[in-house]
Amino acid sequence: MTDPTAFENMKIVLEGAVYDLDFAGTVTVKNRSEMINLASLSRQYELEMVLKEKENLNQISAAIRLKAALKNLTAELLPGISASTGDFAGCHAEIKFNLNLAIQETDAAELLGMLEELWGKDRRIVCTSRKIQDNHGLASESTEIHVFFDRLLTEEQINDLQPMASCCVHSLEALEHWANEER
């Protein structure tokens, strides 16, 4: 039997941090998915949550995603080979917020600034807003905001996963507050 990989260890710590928040009554976990891409031999793990007391108001959700590529697994299992290529064991983290409303350009700037204060200036934050209309006249609006860390998360930073989950809660609270303000 082999030892768990760095991705597996970080996935378990993240899952524990988010489910602790669920158990404490802060959030409700809405979805959990783990995908293995057999073509690229990559893995992805995602936990989606909403604020417990705000579940049905604005339906704003947050998802924390961990992704690891084949080169990350190779770096761990074949350290001699990966040392020559500069690859490292670990994974990439990404946060995604979903809002069931479209936002204007000025609102996007405000939201990006607000999230930059929470996540830090060294994060890349991207906002995408869309309105979808079908041939029956039904329309829906949505906005996705992604927080990218743009660096590899290694087992040495495994303790950063708990604060990452807590920062998602603070971000959800801030987004709920923003959505409840009159525009």
N, C-alpha and C. Protein backbone atom coordinates (compact mmCIF):
# COMPACT_ATOMS: atom_id res chain seq x y z
N MET A 1 0.84 -1.18 0.00
CA MET A 1 0.00 0.00 0.00
C MET A 1 0.89 1.25 0.00
N THR A 2 0.53 2.22 -0.80
CA THR A 2 1.34 3.44 -0.90
C THR A 2 0.79 4.53 0.01
N ASP A 3 1.64 5.50 0.28
CA ASP A 3 1.22 6.66 1.08
C ASP A 3 0.30 7.54 0.25
N PRO A 4 -0.60 8.29 0.91
CA PRO A 4 -1.46 9.21 0.15
C PRO A 4 -0.61 10.30 -0.52
N THR A 5 -1.09 10.77 -1.65
CA THR A 5 -0.37 11.83 -2.37
C THR A 5 -0.61 13.18 -1.69
N ALA A 6 0.17 14.16 -2.08
CA ALA A 6 -0.01 15.52 -1.55
C ALA A 6 -1.42 16.02 -1.86
N PHE A 7 -1.90 15.77 -3.08
CA PHE A 7 -3.25 16.17 -3.45
C PHE A 7 -4.27 15.54 -2.51
N GLU A 8 -4.12 14.26 -2.25
CA GLU A 8 -5.05 13.53 -1.38
C GLU A 8 -5.04 14.12 0.03
N ASN A 9 -3.85 14.40 0.55
CA ASN A 9 -3.75 14.98 1.90
C ASN A 9 -4.41 16.36 1.97
N MET A 10 -4.18 17.19 0.96
CA MET A 10 -4.76 18.53 0.96
C MET A 10 -6.27 18.47 0.77
N LYS A 11 -6.74 17.53 -0.02
CA LYS A 11 -8.18 17.34 -0.22
C LYS A 11 -8.85 17.00 1.11
N ILE A 12 -8.25 16.12 1.89
CA ILE A 12 -8.82 15.70 3.17
C ILE A 12 -8.83 16.87 4.16
N VAL A 13 -7.78 17.65 4.20
CA VAL A 13 -7.73 18.81 5.10
C VAL A 13 -8.77 19.85 4.70
N LEU A 14 -8.90 20.12 3.40
CA LEU A 14 -9.91 21.06 2.92
C LEU A 14 -11.31 20.57 3.25
N GLU A 15 -11.57 19.31 2.99
CA GLU A 15 -12.87 18.73 3.28
C GLU A 15 -13.20 18.86 4.76
N GLY A 16 -12.24 18.59 5.63
CA GLY A 16 -12.45 18.73 7.06
C GLY A 16 -12.75 20.16 7.46
N ALA A 17 -12.03 21.12 6.88
CA ALA A 17 -12.24 22.53 7.21
C ALA A 17 -13.64 22.99 6.81
N VAL A 18 -14.08 22.60 5.61
CA VAL A 18 -15.40 23.03 5.13
C VAL A 18 -16.51 22.32 5.91
N TYR A 19 -16.35 21.04 6.15
CA TYR A 19 -17.39 20.32 6.90
C TYR A 19 -17.44 20.76 8.37
N ASP A 20 -16.33 21.23 8.92
CA ASP A 20 -16.36 21.82 10.27
C ASP A 20 -17.24 23.07 10.27
N LEU A 21 -17.15 23.88 9.21
CA LEU A 21 -18.00 25.06 9.09
C LEU A 21 -19.47 24.66 8.94
N ASP A 22 -19.72 23.58 8.21
CA ASP A 22 -21.08 23.08 8.05
C ASP A 22 -21.61 22.57 9.39
N PHE A 23 -20.81 21.82 10.11
CA PHE A 23 -21.21 21.28 11.40
C PHE A 23 -21.47 22.39 12.42
N ALA A 24 -20.69 23.49 12.32
CA ALA A 24 -20.87 24.62 13.24
C ALA A 24 -22.10 25.45 12.90
N GLY A 25 -22.73 25.19 11.76
CA GLY A 25 -23.93 25.92 11.38
C GLY A 25 -23.66 27.20 10.61
N THR A 26 -22.44 27.38 10.15
CA THR A 26 -22.07 28.58 9.41
C THR A 26 -22.46 28.48 7.94
N VAL A 27 -22.18 27.32 7.34
CA VAL A 27 -22.48 27.10 5.92
C VAL A 27 -23.23 25.78 5.75
N THR A 28 -23.77 25.61 4.57
CA THR A 28 -24.32 24.32 4.15
C THR A 28 -23.55 23.89 2.91
N VAL A 29 -23.00 22.70 2.95
CA VAL A 29 -22.31 22.17 1.77
C VAL A 29 -23.38 21.75 0.78
N LYS A 30 -23.36 22.34 -0.41
CA LYS A 30 -24.37 22.08 -1.44
C LYS A 30 -23.93 21.01 -2.44
N ASN A 31 -22.63 20.89 -2.64
CA ASN A 31 -22.15 19.93 -3.63
C ASN A 31 -20.71 19.59 -3.32
N ARG A 32 -20.36 18.38 -3.68
CA ARG A 32 -18.98 17.92 -3.55
C ARG A 32 -18.70 17.05 -4.76
N SER A 33 -17.62 17.34 -5.45
CA SER A 33 -17.31 16.51 -6.62
C SER A 33 -15.81 16.26 -6.70
N GLU A 34 -15.50 15.08 -7.17
CA GLU A 34 -14.11 14.73 -7.42
C GLU A 34 -14.06 14.12 -8.80
N MET A 35 -13.21 14.70 -9.65
CA MET A 35 -13.12 14.22 -11.02
C MET A 35 -11.68 13.81 -11.34
N ILE A 36 -11.58 12.72 -12.07
CA ILE A 36 -10.29 12.27 -12.56
C ILE A 36 -10.39 12.23 -14.08
N ASN A 37 -9.55 12.99 -14.74
CA ASN A 37 -9.52 13.02 -16.20
C ASN A 37 -8.54 11.95 -16.66
N LEU A 38 -9.06 10.90 -17.23
CA LEU A 38 -8.21 9.78 -17.63
C LEU A 38 -7.36 10.09 -18.86
N ALA A 39 -7.76 11.07 -19.63
CA ALA A 39 -6.97 11.44 -20.81
C ALA A 39 -5.71 12.20 -20.41
N SER A 40 -5.85 13.16 -19.49
CA SER A 40 -4.69 13.96 -19.07
C SER A 40 -4.11 13.49 -17.74
N LEU A 41 -4.76 12.52 -17.11
CA LEU A 41 -4.37 12.00 -15.80
C LEU A 41 -4.26 13.13 -14.77
N SER A 42 -5.25 14.00 -14.78
CA SER A 42 -5.31 15.09 -13.81
C SER A 42 -6.48 14.85 -12.87
N ARG A 43 -6.45 15.53 -11.74
CA ARG A 43 -7.51 15.39 -10.75
C ARG A 43 -8.04 16.75 -10.36
N GLN A 44 -9.30 16.76 -9.97
CA GLN A 44 -9.94 18.00 -9.51
C GLN A 44 -10.91 17.65 -8.39
N TYR A 45 -10.89 18.44 -7.33
CA TYR A 45 -11.81 18.24 -6.21
C TYR A 45 -12.46 19.59 -5.90
N GLU A 46 -13.77 19.58 -5.71
CA GLU A 46 -14.48 20.84 -5.48
C GLU A 46 -15.55 20.66 -4.41
N LEU A 47 -15.62 21.62 -3.51
CA LEU A 47 -16.66 21.69 -2.48
C LEU A 47 -17.40 23.01 -2.65
N GLU A 48 -18.72 22.94 -2.79
CA GLU A 48 -19.54 24.14 -2.96
C GLU A 48 -20.37 24.36 -1.69
N MET A 49 -20.45 25.61 -1.24
CA MET A 49 -21.16 25.94 -0.01
C MET A 49 -21.94 27.24 -0.15
N VAL A 50 -22.95 27.39 0.71
CA VAL A 50 -23.71 28.64 0.84
C VAL A 50 -23.78 28.95 2.33
N LEU A 51 -24.02 30.23 2.64
CA LEU A 51 -24.24 30.59 4.04
C LEU A 51 -25.52 29.93 4.52
N LYS A 52 -25.48 29.35 5.69
CA LYS A 52 -26.64 28.60 6.18
C LYS A 52 -27.86 29.49 6.35
N GLU A 53 -27.70 30.64 6.99
CA GLU A 53 -28.87 31.49 7.24
C GLU A 53 -29.36 32.20 5.99
N LYS A 54 -28.57 32.22 4.94
CA LYS A 54 -28.92 32.95 3.72
C LYS A 54 -29.19 32.01 2.55
N GLU A 55 -29.43 30.74 2.84
CA GLU A 55 -29.53 29.74 1.77
C GLU A 55 -30.45 30.14 0.63
N ASN A 56 -31.59 30.76 0.91
CA ASN A 56 -32.57 30.98 -0.14
C ASN A 56 -32.74 32.44 -0.54
N LEU A 57 -31.97 33.36 0.04
CA LEU A 57 -32.16 34.76 -0.30
C LEU A 57 -31.60 35.09 -1.68
N ASN A 58 -30.30 35.20 -1.77
CA ASN A 58 -29.68 35.58 -3.04
C ASN A 58 -29.03 34.39 -3.74
N GLN A 59 -29.01 33.27 -3.11
CA GLN A 59 -28.41 32.06 -3.66
C GLN A 59 -26.99 32.29 -4.16
N ILE A 60 -26.21 32.96 -3.33
CA ILE A 60 -24.80 33.17 -3.64
C ILE A 60 -24.03 31.99 -3.06
N SER A 61 -23.22 31.37 -3.89
CA SER A 61 -22.46 30.21 -3.43
C SER A 61 -20.97 30.43 -3.65
N ALA A 62 -20.20 29.65 -2.92
CA ALA A 62 -18.74 29.66 -3.07
C ALA A 62 -18.30 28.22 -3.28
N ALA A 63 -17.32 28.03 -4.13
CA ALA A 63 -16.74 26.71 -4.35
C ALA A 63 -15.22 26.83 -4.25
N ILE A 64 -14.64 25.91 -3.51
CA ILE A 64 -13.18 25.82 -3.43
C ILE A 64 -12.77 24.63 -4.28
N ARG A 65 -11.84 24.86 -5.19
CA ARG A 65 -11.41 23.82 -6.13
C ARG A 65 -9.91 23.60 -5.99
N LEU A 66 -9.53 22.34 -5.88
CA LEU A 66 -8.13 21.93 -5.92
C LEU A 66 -7.91 21.16 -7.21
N LYS A 67 -6.81 21.46 -7.93
CA LYS A 67 -6.51 20.79 -9.18
C LYS A 67 -5.05 20.34 -9.18
N ALA A 68 -4.83 19.12 -9.63
CA ALA A 68 -3.46 18.61 -9.75
C ALA A 68 -3.30 17.96 -11.11
N ALA A 69 -2.20 18.25 -11.75
CA ALA A 69 -1.89 17.69 -13.07
C ALA A 69 -0.97 16.48 -12.92
N LEU A 70 -0.80 15.76 -14.00
CA LEU A 70 0.07 14.60 -14.00
C LEU A 70 1.48 14.97 -13.54
N LYS A 71 1.98 16.13 -13.94
CA LYS A 71 3.34 16.51 -13.57
C LYS A 71 3.47 16.68 -12.05
N ASN A 72 2.39 17.04 -11.36
CA ASN A 72 2.44 17.16 -9.91
C ASN A 72 2.54 15.79 -9.25
N LEU A 73 1.82 14.83 -9.77
CA LEU A 73 1.90 13.47 -9.25
C LEU A 73 3.26 12.85 -9.57
N THR A 74 3.73 13.08 -10.78
CA THR A 74 5.04 12.58 -11.18
C THR A 74 6.13 13.13 -10.28
N ALA A 75 6.05 14.41 -9.95
CA ALA A 75 7.05 15.04 -9.10
C ALA A 75 7.12 14.36 -7.74
N GLU A 76 5.97 13.86 -7.28
CA GLU A 76 5.93 13.21 -5.98
C GLU A 76 6.40 11.76 -6.05
N LEU A 77 5.96 11.04 -7.07
CA LEU A 77 6.26 9.62 -7.14
C LEU A 77 7.61 9.31 -7.78
N LEU A 78 8.09 10.22 -8.64
CA LEU A 78 9.38 10.03 -9.31
C LEU A 78 10.25 11.26 -9.10
N PRO A 79 10.70 11.50 -7.86
CA PRO A 79 11.40 12.75 -7.57
C PRO A 79 12.66 12.99 -8.39
N GLY A 80 13.37 11.95 -8.78
CA GLY A 80 14.58 12.13 -9.58
C GLY A 80 14.28 12.73 -10.94
N ILE A 81 13.23 12.27 -11.58
CA ILE A 81 12.85 12.76 -12.90
C ILE A 81 12.32 14.19 -12.80
N SER A 82 11.46 14.43 -11.81
CA SER A 82 10.83 15.74 -11.71
C SER A 82 11.81 16.82 -11.29
N ALA A 83 12.87 16.46 -10.57
CA ALA A 83 13.86 17.46 -10.18
C ALA A 83 14.50 18.08 -11.41
N SER A 84 14.70 17.29 -12.45
CA SER A 84 15.32 17.82 -13.66
C SER A 84 14.35 18.68 -14.47
N THR A 85 13.05 18.49 -14.31
CA THR A 85 12.07 19.29 -15.06
C THR A 85 11.58 20.50 -14.28
N GLY A 86 11.86 20.55 -12.97
CA GLY A 86 11.41 21.69 -12.17
C GLY A 86 9.97 21.58 -11.72
N ASP A 87 9.35 20.42 -11.85
CA ASP A 87 7.97 20.22 -11.40
C ASP A 87 7.96 19.88 -9.91
N PHE A 88 6.87 20.22 -9.25
CA PHE A 88 6.76 19.99 -7.82
C PHE A 88 5.46 19.30 -7.48
N ALA A 89 5.47 18.55 -6.38
CA ALA A 89 4.27 17.89 -5.89
C ALA A 89 3.36 18.95 -5.26
N GLY A 90 2.06 18.82 -5.48
CA GLY A 90 1.11 19.76 -4.91
C GLY A 90 -0.08 19.93 -5.82
N CYS A 91 -0.78 21.04 -5.64
CA CYS A 91 -1.95 21.32 -6.47
C CYS A 91 -2.18 22.83 -6.55
N HIS A 92 -3.08 23.20 -7.43
CA HIS A 92 -3.49 24.59 -7.56
C HIS A 92 -4.85 24.76 -6.93
N ALA A 93 -5.06 25.92 -6.29
CA ALA A 93 -6.34 26.21 -5.66
C ALA A 93 -7.01 27.36 -6.40
N GLU A 94 -8.34 27.32 -6.41
CA GLU A 94 -9.14 28.35 -7.05
C GLU A 94 -10.45 28.46 -6.29
N ILE A 95 -10.94 29.67 -6.14
CA ILE A 95 -12.22 29.91 -5.49
C ILE A 95 -13.18 30.46 -6.54
N LYS A 96 -14.42 29.99 -6.53
CA LYS A 96 -15.43 30.48 -7.47
C LYS A 96 -16.67 30.88 -6.69
N PHE A 97 -17.14 32.10 -6.94
CA PHE A 97 -18.39 32.59 -6.35
C PHE A 97 -19.42 32.69 -7.46
N ASN A 98 -20.63 32.20 -7.21
CA ASN A 98 -21.74 32.29 -8.16
C ASN A 98 -22.82 33.19 -7.59
N LEU A 99 -23.24 34.18 -8.38
CA LEU A 99 -24.32 35.07 -8.00
C LEU A 99 -25.41 34.95 -9.06
N ASN A 100 -26.65 34.83 -8.65
CA ASN A 100 -27.75 34.71 -9.61
C ASN A 100 -28.27 36.07 -10.03
N LEU A 101 -27.36 36.93 -10.45
CA LEU A 101 -27.71 38.23 -10.97
C LEU A 101 -26.58 38.74 -11.83
N ALA A 102 -26.93 39.53 -12.83
CA ALA A 102 -25.92 40.14 -13.68
C ALA A 102 -25.54 41.48 -13.05
N ILE A 103 -24.31 41.87 -13.22
CA ILE A 103 -23.87 43.12 -12.62
C ILE A 103 -23.34 44.07 -13.69
N GLN A 104 -23.39 45.34 -13.36
CA GLN A 104 -22.90 46.38 -14.26
C GLN A 104 -21.38 46.53 -14.08
N GLU A 105 -20.75 47.25 -15.00
CA GLU A 105 -19.30 47.44 -14.96
C GLU A 105 -18.86 48.13 -13.67
N THR A 106 -19.63 49.12 -13.22
CA THR A 106 -19.26 49.82 -11.98
C THR A 106 -19.40 48.89 -10.78
N ASP A 107 -20.42 48.02 -10.80
CA ASP A 107 -20.58 47.05 -9.72
C ASP A 107 -19.43 46.05 -9.73
N ALA A 108 -18.99 45.65 -10.90
CA ALA A 108 -17.88 44.70 -11.00
C ALA A 108 -16.63 45.28 -10.37
N ALA A 109 -16.34 46.55 -10.64
CA ALA A 109 -15.17 47.19 -10.05
C ALA A 109 -15.27 47.21 -8.53
N GLU A 110 -16.47 47.49 -8.03
CA GLU A 110 -16.70 47.51 -6.58
C GLU A 110 -16.49 46.12 -5.98
N LEU A 111 -17.06 45.10 -6.63
CA LEU A 111 -16.92 43.73 -6.13
C LEU A 111 -15.47 43.25 -6.18
N LEU A 112 -14.78 43.56 -7.27
CA LEU A 112 -13.38 43.15 -7.39
C LEU A 112 -12.54 43.80 -6.30
N GLY A 113 -12.79 45.08 -6.02
CA GLY A 113 -12.07 45.78 -4.96
C GLY A 113 -12.37 45.17 -3.59
N MET A 114 -13.63 44.86 -3.36
CA MET A 114 -14.04 44.27 -2.08
C MET A 114 -13.35 42.91 -1.87
N LEU A 115 -13.35 42.08 -2.91
CA LEU A 115 -12.72 40.77 -2.79
C LEU A 115 -11.20 40.86 -2.72
N GLU A 116 -10.64 41.86 -3.37
CA GLU A 116 -9.19 42.06 -3.29
C GLU A 116 -8.78 42.39 -1.85
N GLU A 117 -9.61 43.17 -1.15
CA GLU A 117 -9.34 43.46 0.26
C GLU A 117 -9.34 42.20 1.10
N LEU A 118 -10.24 41.28 0.80
CA LEU A 118 -10.34 40.04 1.58
C LEU A 118 -9.25 39.02 1.22
N TRP A 119 -8.94 38.91 -0.07
CA TRP A 119 -8.02 37.87 -0.53
C TRP A 119 -6.59 38.34 -0.75
N GLY A 120 -6.39 39.66 -0.85
CA GLY A 120 -5.05 40.19 -1.05
C GLY A 120 -4.80 40.63 -2.48
N LYS A 121 -3.89 41.56 -2.64
CA LYS A 121 -3.59 42.13 -3.96
C LYS A 121 -2.82 41.18 -4.86
N ASP A 122 -2.19 40.16 -4.28
CA ASP A 122 -1.41 39.24 -5.11
C ASP A 122 -2.26 38.14 -5.74
N ARG A 123 -3.55 38.18 -5.54
CA ARG A 123 -4.46 37.23 -6.17
C ARG A 123 -5.02 37.84 -7.45
N ARG A 124 -5.27 37.00 -8.43
CA ARG A 124 -5.92 37.45 -9.66
C ARG A 124 -7.41 37.15 -9.51
N ILE A 125 -8.25 38.18 -9.64
CA ILE A 125 -9.69 38.04 -9.45
C ILE A 125 -10.38 38.42 -10.76
N VAL A 126 -11.20 37.51 -11.27
CA VAL A 126 -11.85 37.70 -12.56
C VAL A 126 -13.36 37.60 -12.38
N CYS A 127 -14.07 38.56 -12.96
CA CYS A 127 -15.54 38.61 -12.86
C CYS A 127 -16.14 38.46 -14.26
N THR A 128 -17.09 37.51 -14.38
CA THR A 128 -17.79 37.30 -15.65
C THR A 128 -19.28 37.36 -15.39
N SER A 129 -19.97 38.26 -16.10
CA SER A 129 -21.41 38.41 -15.93
C SER A 129 -22.09 38.10 -17.26
N ARG A 130 -23.23 37.39 -17.18
CA ARG A 130 -23.91 37.04 -18.43
C ARG A 130 -25.42 37.03 -18.24
N LYS A 131 -26.09 37.30 -19.34
CA LYS A 131 -27.54 37.21 -19.39
C LYS A 131 -27.87 36.23 -20.50
N ILE A 132 -28.69 35.24 -20.18
CA ILE A 132 -29.04 34.20 -21.15
C ILE A 132 -30.54 34.29 -21.43
N GLN A 133 -30.88 34.31 -22.70
CA GLN A 133 -32.29 34.37 -23.09
C GLN A 133 -32.55 33.28 -24.10
N ASP A 134 -33.69 32.59 -23.94
CA ASP A 134 -34.01 31.54 -24.90
C ASP A 134 -35.13 31.97 -25.85
N ASN A 135 -35.53 31.11 -26.76
CA ASN A 135 -36.52 31.46 -27.77
C ASN A 135 -37.93 31.59 -27.20
N HIS A 136 -38.16 31.24 -25.95
CA HIS A 136 -39.46 31.40 -25.31
C HIS A 136 -39.53 32.67 -24.46
N GLY A 137 -38.48 33.47 -24.52
CA GLY A 137 -38.46 34.73 -23.78
C GLY A 137 -38.01 34.59 -22.34
N LEU A 138 -37.61 33.39 -21.94
CA LEU A 138 -37.12 33.21 -20.57
C LEU A 138 -35.68 33.68 -20.49
N ALA A 139 -35.39 34.43 -19.47
CA ALA A 139 -34.04 34.97 -19.31
C ALA A 139 -33.53 34.64 -17.92
N SER A 140 -32.24 34.46 -17.84
CA SER A 140 -31.59 34.30 -16.55
C SER A 140 -30.30 35.10 -16.57
N GLU A 141 -29.93 35.57 -15.41
CA GLU A 141 -28.71 36.35 -15.27
C GLU A 141 -27.83 35.69 -14.23
N SER A 142 -26.54 35.74 -14.46
CA SER A 142 -25.62 35.17 -13.50
C SER A 142 -24.26 35.85 -13.59
N THR A 143 -23.56 35.77 -12.50
CA THR A 143 -22.20 36.32 -12.42
C THR A 143 -21.32 35.29 -11.73
N GLU A 144 -20.15 35.07 -12.29
CA GLU A 144 -19.14 34.22 -11.67
C GLU A 144 -17.93 35.07 -11.36
N ILE A 145 -17.40 34.90 -10.17
CA ILE A 145 -16.17 35.59 -9.77
C ILE A 145 -15.19 34.51 -9.37
N HIS A 146 -14.02 34.50 -9.99
CA HIS A 146 -12.97 33.52 -9.70
C HIS A 146 -11.81 34.22 -9.00
N VAL A 147 -11.30 33.58 -7.97
CA VAL A 147 -10.08 34.04 -7.29
C VAL A 147 -9.02 32.99 -7.60
N PHE A 148 -7.98 33.42 -8.32
CA PHE A 148 -6.89 32.52 -8.70
C PHE A 148 -5.67 32.82 -7.84
N PHE A 149 -5.01 31.77 -7.38
CA PHE A 149 -3.82 31.94 -6.55
C PHE A 149 -2.54 31.95 -7.37
N ASP A 150 -2.61 31.43 -8.58
CA ASP A 150 -1.49 31.47 -9.54
C ASP A 150 -0.16 30.99 -8.96
N ARG A 151 -0.25 30.00 -8.09
CA ARG A 151 0.97 29.36 -7.58
C ARG A 151 0.60 27.96 -7.14
N LEU A 152 1.60 27.13 -7.03
CA LEU A 152 1.39 25.77 -6.59
C LEU A 152 1.27 25.75 -5.07
N LEU A 153 0.28 25.06 -4.60
CA LEU A 153 0.09 24.86 -3.16
C LEU A 153 0.71 23.51 -2.82
N THR A 154 1.69 23.51 -1.92
CA THR A 154 2.36 22.27 -1.55
C THR A 154 1.94 21.86 -0.14
N GLU A 155 2.37 20.69 0.27
CA GLU A 155 2.01 20.23 1.61
C GLU A 155 2.56 21.13 2.70
N GLU A 156 3.59 21.89 2.41
CA GLU A 156 4.12 22.84 3.39
C GLU A 156 3.10 23.95 3.70
N GLN A 157 2.18 24.22 2.76
CA GLN A 157 1.14 25.24 2.97
C GLN A 157 -0.21 24.62 3.31
N ILE A 158 -0.24 23.38 3.75
CA ILE A 158 -1.50 22.69 4.02
C ILE A 158 -2.31 23.42 5.09
N ASN A 159 -1.63 24.12 6.00
CA ASN A 159 -2.33 24.86 7.05
C ASN A 159 -3.03 26.10 6.51
N ASP A 160 -2.78 26.48 5.26
CA ASP A 160 -3.47 27.62 4.64
C ASP A 160 -4.90 27.26 4.22
N LEU A 161 -5.23 25.98 4.20
CA LEU A 161 -6.55 25.57 3.72
C LEU A 161 -7.67 25.96 4.69
N GLN A 162 -7.42 25.88 5.99
CA GLN A 162 -8.43 26.29 6.97
C GLN A 162 -8.75 27.79 6.85
N PRO A 163 -7.75 28.67 6.83
CA PRO A 163 -8.06 30.09 6.62
C PRO A 163 -8.70 30.37 5.26
N MET A 164 -8.38 29.57 4.24
CA MET A 164 -8.99 29.74 2.93
C MET A 164 -10.50 29.49 3.02
N ALA A 165 -10.89 28.45 3.74
CA ALA A 165 -12.31 28.15 3.93
C ALA A 165 -13.00 29.27 4.71
N SER A 166 -12.34 29.78 5.75
CA SER A 166 -12.90 30.88 6.54
C SER A 166 -13.03 32.15 5.71
N CYS A 167 -12.05 32.41 4.86
CA CYS A 167 -12.11 33.60 4.00
C CYS A 167 -13.26 33.48 2.99
N CYS A 168 -13.57 32.26 2.57
CA CYS A 168 -14.74 32.05 1.70
C CYS A 168 -16.01 32.48 2.42
N VAL A 169 -16.11 32.16 3.70
CA VAL A 169 -17.28 32.55 4.49
C VAL A 169 -17.37 34.07 4.58
N HIS A 170 -16.25 34.74 4.87
CA HIS A 170 -16.24 36.21 4.94
C HIS A 170 -16.62 36.82 3.59
N SER A 171 -16.14 36.21 2.52
CA SER A 171 -16.48 36.69 1.17
C SER A 171 -17.96 36.51 0.88
N LEU A 172 -18.51 35.36 1.26
CA LEU A 172 -19.94 35.13 1.07
C LEU A 172 -20.76 36.15 1.85
N GLU A 173 -20.36 36.43 3.07
CA GLU A 173 -21.07 37.43 3.89
C GLU A 173 -21.02 38.80 3.23
N ALA A 174 -19.84 39.18 2.72
CA ALA A 174 -19.68 40.48 2.06
C ALA A 174 -20.51 40.54 0.77
N LEU A 175 -20.53 39.47 0.00
CA LEU A 175 -21.31 39.44 -1.23
C LEU A 175 -22.82 39.48 -0.93
N GLU A 176 -23.26 38.78 0.10
CA GLU A 176 -24.66 38.84 0.52
C GLU A 176 -25.04 40.26 0.92
N HIS A 177 -24.17 40.89 1.71
CA HIS A 177 -24.43 42.27 2.14
C HIS A 177 -24.52 43.19 0.92
N TRP A 178 -23.60 43.04 -0.01
CA TRP A 178 -23.58 43.85 -1.23
C TRP A 178 -24.87 43.61 -2.03
N ALA A 179 -25.28 42.36 -2.19
CA ALA A 179 -26.47 42.04 -2.99
C ALA A 179 -27.75 42.56 -2.35
N ASN A 180 -27.76 42.68 -1.02
CA ASN A 180 -28.96 43.15 -0.31
C ASN A 180 -29.08 44.67 -0.29
N GLU A 181 -27.99 45.38 -0.62
CA GLU A 181 -28.05 46.84 -0.69
C GLU A 181 -28.90 47.25 -1.89
N GLU A 182 -29.58 48.36 -1.75
CA GLU A 182 -30.37 48.86 -2.89
C GLU A 182 -29.44 49.39 -3.96
N ARG A 183 -29.68 49.03 -5.17
CA ARG A 183 -28.87 49.49 -6.29
C ARG A 183 -29.64 50.50 -7.09
